[in-house]
Amino acid sequence: MRNLPQPAAEDIEFVAVMHALSDPVRLRLLVALDDDADHTCTAAAEGIDVHKSTTSHHYRVLRESGIISSRQEGRLRLVRLRREELNARFPGVLDAALAAGYAELEAAADK
């Protein structure tokens, strides 16, 4: 399979990152990827109640904005946060987004 396009670290744009972080589903995916490990797309989306095609769209937005990287390994597509690149380019943005994502998960669990 071909590698999907993702911006180089120096080409990550603030507006694209903020747009990608503005969706609750993408925030949940961000939280699921918050361990600096590679994840299959299916495993990271576990527990998020959206269709597979919708999840694919959210991964594309995250990848094209530069928040996640994606690589092919056999039949699996593996994704991970681009933590170092994002923190170097926009310090504090990823931490703030993760804090918001964890807060939303906690609020949902309290309901």
C-alpha atoms as a PDB file:
ATOM      1  CA  MET A   1       0.000   0.000   0.000  1.00  0.00           C
ATOM      2  CA  ARG A   2       1.072   3.558  -0.558  1.00  0.00           C
ATOM      3  CA  ASN A   3       2.045   5.915   2.223  1.00  0.00           C
ATOM      4  CA  LEU A   4      -0.532   8.587   2.864  1.00  0.00           C
ATOM      5  CA  PRO A   5       0.493  12.256   2.732  1.00  0.00           C
ATOM      6  CA  GLN A   6       1.358  14.055   5.943  1.00  0.00           C
ATOM      7  CA  PRO A   7       3.141  17.373   6.343  1.00  0.00           C
ATOM      8  CA  ALA A   8       6.787  17.674   7.290  1.00  0.00           C
ATOM      9  CA  ALA A   9       7.270  19.033  10.818  1.00  0.00           C
ATOM     10  CA  GLU A  10       8.178  22.512   9.554  1.00  0.00           C
ATOM     11  CA  ASP A  11       5.033  22.579   7.369  1.00  0.00           C
ATOM     12  CA  ILE A  12       2.522  21.904  10.168  1.00  0.00           C
ATOM     13  CA  GLU A  13       0.114  24.853  10.250  1.00  0.00           C
ATOM     14  CA  PHE A  14      -1.447  26.208  13.436  1.00  0.00           C
ATOM     15  CA  VAL A  15      -4.881  26.752  11.856  1.00  0.00           C
ATOM     16  CA  ALA A  16      -4.966  23.162  10.546  1.00  0.00           C
ATOM     17  CA  VAL A  17      -4.011  21.808  13.981  1.00  0.00           C
ATOM     18  CA  MET A  18      -6.675  23.882  15.733  1.00  0.00           C
ATOM     19  CA  HIS A  19      -9.306  22.806  13.194  1.00  0.00           C
ATOM     20  CA  ALA A  20      -8.386  19.153  13.711  1.00  0.00           C
ATOM     21  CA  LEU A  21      -8.612  19.539  17.490  1.00  0.00           C
ATOM     22  CA  SER A  22     -12.051  21.171  17.332  1.00  0.00           C
ATOM     23  CA  ASP A  23     -13.967  17.893  17.029  1.00  0.00           C
ATOM     24  CA  PRO A  24     -14.888  15.731  20.063  1.00  0.00           C
ATOM     25  CA  VAL A  25     -14.272  12.456  18.195  1.00  0.00           C
ATOM     26  CA  ARG A  26     -10.796  13.582  17.185  1.00  0.00           C
ATOM     27  CA  LEU A  27     -10.086  14.610  20.790  1.00  0.00           C
ATOM     28  CA  ARG A  28     -11.033  11.082  21.894  1.00  0.00           C
ATOM     29  CA  LEU A  29      -8.697   9.622  19.278  1.00  0.00           C
ATOM     30  CA  LEU A  30      -5.973  11.950  20.532  1.00  0.00           C
ATOM     31  CA  VAL A  31      -6.449  10.667  24.093  1.00  0.00           C
ATOM     32  CA  ALA A  32      -6.361   7.063  22.832  1.00  0.00           C
ATOM     33  CA  LEU A  33      -2.990   7.769  21.183  1.00  0.00           C
ATOM     34  CA  ASP A  34      -1.480   9.488  24.243  1.00  0.00           C
ATOM     35  CA  ASP A  35       1.101   6.827  25.110  1.00  0.00           C
ATOM     36  CA  ASP A  36       3.769   7.400  22.442  1.00  0.00           C
ATOM     37  CA  ALA A  37       3.193   3.953  20.944  1.00  0.00           C
ATOM     38  CA  ASP A  38       2.032   2.812  17.526  1.00  0.00           C
ATOM     39  CA  HIS A  39      -1.628   1.801  17.392  1.00  0.00           C
ATOM     40  CA  THR A  40      -3.728   0.172  14.733  1.00  0.00           C
ATOM     41  CA  CYS A  41      -6.513   2.445  13.610  1.00  0.00           C
ATOM     42  CA  THR A  42      -9.072  -0.048  14.904  1.00  0.00           C
ATOM     43  CA  ALA A  43      -7.533  -0.369  18.367  1.00  0.00           C
ATOM     44  CA  ALA A  44      -7.220   3.391  18.888  1.00  0.00           C
ATOM     45  CA  ALA A  45     -10.874   3.910  17.907  1.00  0.00           C
ATOM     46  CA  GLU A  46     -12.172   1.190  20.224  1.00  0.00           C
ATOM     47  CA  GLY A  47     -15.066   2.478  22.303  1.00  0.00           C
ATOM     48  CA  ILE A  48     -15.757   5.425  19.998  1.00  0.00           C
ATOM     49  CA  ASP A  49     -19.244   4.914  18.606  1.00  0.00           C
ATOM     50  CA  VAL A  50     -18.899   6.078  14.991  1.00  0.00           C
ATOM     51  CA  HIS A  51     -18.889   4.230  11.675  1.00  0.00           C
ATOM     52  CA  LYS A  52     -15.615   2.991  10.232  1.00  0.00           C
ATOM     53  CA  SER A  53     -15.814   5.471   7.342  1.00  0.00           C
ATOM     54  CA  THR A  54     -16.318   8.347   9.785  1.00  0.00           C
ATOM     55  CA  THR A  55     -13.340   7.181  11.826  1.00  0.00           C
ATOM     56  CA  SER A  56     -11.244   7.060   8.643  1.00  0.00           C
ATOM     57  CA  HIS A  57     -12.234  10.659   7.918  1.00  0.00           C
ATOM     58  CA  HIS A  58     -11.146  11.748  11.408  1.00  0.00           C
ATOM     59  CA  TYR A  59      -7.797   9.961  11.037  1.00  0.00           C
ATOM     60  CA  ARG A  60      -7.293  11.721   7.695  1.00  0.00           C
ATOM     61  CA  VAL A  61      -7.946  15.142   9.252  1.00  0.00           C
ATOM     62  CA  LEU A  62      -5.528  14.383  12.108  1.00  0.00           C
ATOM     63  CA  ARG A  63      -2.865  13.080   9.700  1.00  0.00           C
ATOM     64  CA  GLU A  64      -3.171  15.897   7.156  1.00  0.00           C
ATOM     65  CA  SER A  65      -2.964  18.498   9.930  1.00  0.00           C
ATOM     66  CA  GLY A  66       0.267  16.901  11.184  1.00  0.00           C
ATOM     67  CA  ILE A  67      -1.037  15.738  14.567  1.00  0.00           C
ATOM     68  CA  ILE A  68      -0.529  12.042  13.861  1.00  0.00           C
ATOM     69  CA  SER A  69       1.752  10.048  11.611  1.00  0.00           C
ATOM     70  CA  SER A  70       0.691   6.960   9.754  1.00  0.00           C
ATOM     71  CA  ARG A  71       2.677   4.036   8.396  1.00  0.00           C
ATOM     72  CA  GLN A  72       1.849   0.758   6.755  1.00  0.00           C
ATOM     73  CA  GLU A  73       3.047  -2.524   8.259  1.00  0.00           C
ATOM     74  CA  GLY A  74       1.804  -5.480   6.274  1.00  0.00           C
ATOM     75  CA  ARG A  75      -1.969  -5.203   6.177  1.00  0.00           C
ATOM     76  CA  LEU A  76      -2.098  -2.886   9.179  1.00  0.00           C
ATOM     77  CA  ARG A  77      -2.040   0.875   9.198  1.00  0.00           C
ATOM     78  CA  LEU A  78      -0.329   2.120  12.351  1.00  0.00           C
ATOM     79  CA  VAL A  79      -0.820   5.610  13.755  1.00  0.00           C
ATOM     80  CA  ARG A  80       0.896   7.585  16.509  1.00  0.00           C
ATOM     81  CA  LEU A  81       0.974  11.107  17.897  1.00  0.00           C
ATOM     82  CA  ARG A  82       3.680  13.388  16.539  1.00  0.00           C
ATOM     83  CA  ARG A  83       4.299  14.706  20.050  1.00  0.00           C
ATOM     84  CA  GLU A  84       7.881  15.943  19.626  1.00  0.00           C
ATOM     85  CA  GLU A  85       7.175  17.728  16.348  1.00  0.00           C
ATOM     86  CA  LEU A  86       4.011  19.383  17.682  1.00  0.00           C
ATOM     87  CA  ASN A  87       5.631  20.459  20.942  1.00  0.00           C
ATOM     88  CA  ALA A  88       8.586  21.929  19.054  1.00  0.00           C
ATOM     89  CA  ARG A  89       6.345  23.778  16.596  1.00  0.00           C
ATOM     90  CA  PHE A  90       3.541  24.873  18.964  1.00  0.00           C
ATOM     91  CA  PRO A  91       4.566  24.428  22.626  1.00  0.00           C
ATOM     92  CA  GLY A  92       1.680  23.641  24.962  1.00  0.00           C
ATOM     93  CA  VAL A  93      -0.997  23.132  22.302  1.00  0.00           C
ATOM     94  CA  LEU A  94      -0.941  19.335  22.442  1.00  0.00           C
ATOM     95  CA  ASP A  95      -0.917  19.295  26.261  1.00  0.00           C
ATOM     96  CA  ALA A  96      -3.913  21.657  26.357  1.00  0.00           C
ATOM     97  CA  ALA A  97      -5.811  19.537  23.828  1.00  0.00           C
ATOM     98  CA  LEU A  98      -5.076  16.340  25.748  1.00  0.00           C
ATOM     99  CA  ALA A  99      -6.197  17.956  29.017  1.00  0.00           C
ATOM    100  CA  ALA A 100      -9.463  18.964  27.338  1.00  0.00           C
ATOM    101  CA  GLY A 101      -9.902  15.472  25.913  1.00  0.00           C
ATOM    102  CA  TYR A 102      -9.348  13.806  29.277  1.00  0.00           C
ATOM    103  CA  ALA A 103     -11.746  16.283  30.938  1.00  0.00           C
ATOM    104  CA  GLU A 104     -14.456  15.458  28.385  1.00  0.00           C
ATOM    105  CA  LEU A 105     -13.988  11.727  28.955  1.00  0.00           C
ATOM    106  CA  GLU A 106     -14.193  12.217  32.707  1.00  0.00           C
ATOM    107  CA  ALA A 107     -17.337  14.338  32.391  1.00  0.00           C
ATOM    108  CA  ALA A 108     -18.955  11.708  30.161  1.00  0.00           C
ATOM    109  CA  ALA A 109     -18.090   8.971  32.680  1.00  0.00           C
ATOM    110  CA  ASP A 110     -19.709  10.978  35.489  1.00  0.00           C
ATOM    111  CA  LYS A 111     -23.056  11.157  33.657  1.00  0.00           C
END
